[in-house]
Amino acid sequence: MQLFSQTFSPNAECVPCRVYWWGMTHPGKFRKNNEDAFLTITIKDRIFHYLGKEGSAGFDLGDFVFAVSDGMGGANAGEFASRIAVEKITKLLPKAWRGMAVGLSAGFADIFEELFGEINRALNYLGSQYEECDGMGATLTLTWLVPGWLYFAHIGDSKLYYLPASGGMKQISEDHSHVGWLRRTGRITEREARFHPMRNSLSKALGAGHQFVSPQVGAVDCRPGDIFLLCTDGINDGLWDRQILEILRPEKGKWEGFNPARQLIEAALENSGRDNLTAIVITFTETQKNINKSN
């Protein structure tokens, strides 16, 4: 288990009270089916509600859950695997809802590990029972938002980026591959990682015959102006980190009418489009002021 956490606690006066999100997926230029899936829901009183592809809401709706998954496997098994992963979240995570008064800090890692374990067992079972599902697996990057905190769990090579309001961008998910390890430890550059012959070989995934899974889990405190990006590797196949940063840092006052998830996908498609592409962008304000008047 690995925990990423900021070294400071959120100031009560700075806790975001409104969440904005944009989600989009695209099969890419060359693939007939889309093996990516994403999820946007709220959870309250152990009941979940689907959110739209984009919108804004306050925490009076409950906690927010966002996830992306990239499936793998022959025939349509990859498409099936990613959808099972996000569907299992809607079935299992509401049962663990504790309410904002109690908070998640004491047991969120256990909740995530149990959830990822259940998904792993479900994918492996189907893979063992049906020939067309043999070897099916999926990545999963999951965030659970409560006032002031983003809890996350991750396995595979989909990504979670953190763009603090103060500037910069950090990938806080770890790519579970040898190439990911080489990049994290500074042995290769971003360019070398993109073109490495083993870039698509994962050491960890849900299903795909893995008997046990150990997701990366962590927590980041959220402040007004912070931005988070969840995306599958199709985005990174078409965009360098600096391009992602440029898209997600619009000029001041330019959020209105701007869909950053669509912008990311369109830019990645223009540069590549060889893989499926999925992105969810999340940001916060400390007032009820709307970023996008249409929401």
Foldseek 3Di string as FASTA:
>chain_A
DAADEDPDADDPLFWFFKKWKAKDWDFFDPDPDALKDKFKWFADPLAIDGDDRTDMDGCVSHKIKIKMKFKDAPDCLSNVLNVLLVVLCNVQVSVVDDGLVVDCVVPPLVSVQVSLLVSLVVLQVVLVVDVRSPQMWMWMWMWIGDTFKIKIWTWAAWWKKKAAQVGDIDTPAQHQFPLSVCPVVVVDDLVCLLPPPCNRPGPTTRYSPDNHHRIHIYMYTAGARMKMKTKGCLLVNQDDPVRLRDLVCDDPLPLAVDRSFVVSVVNSSVRPRPGMIIMMMMGGHRDPDDSYPVD
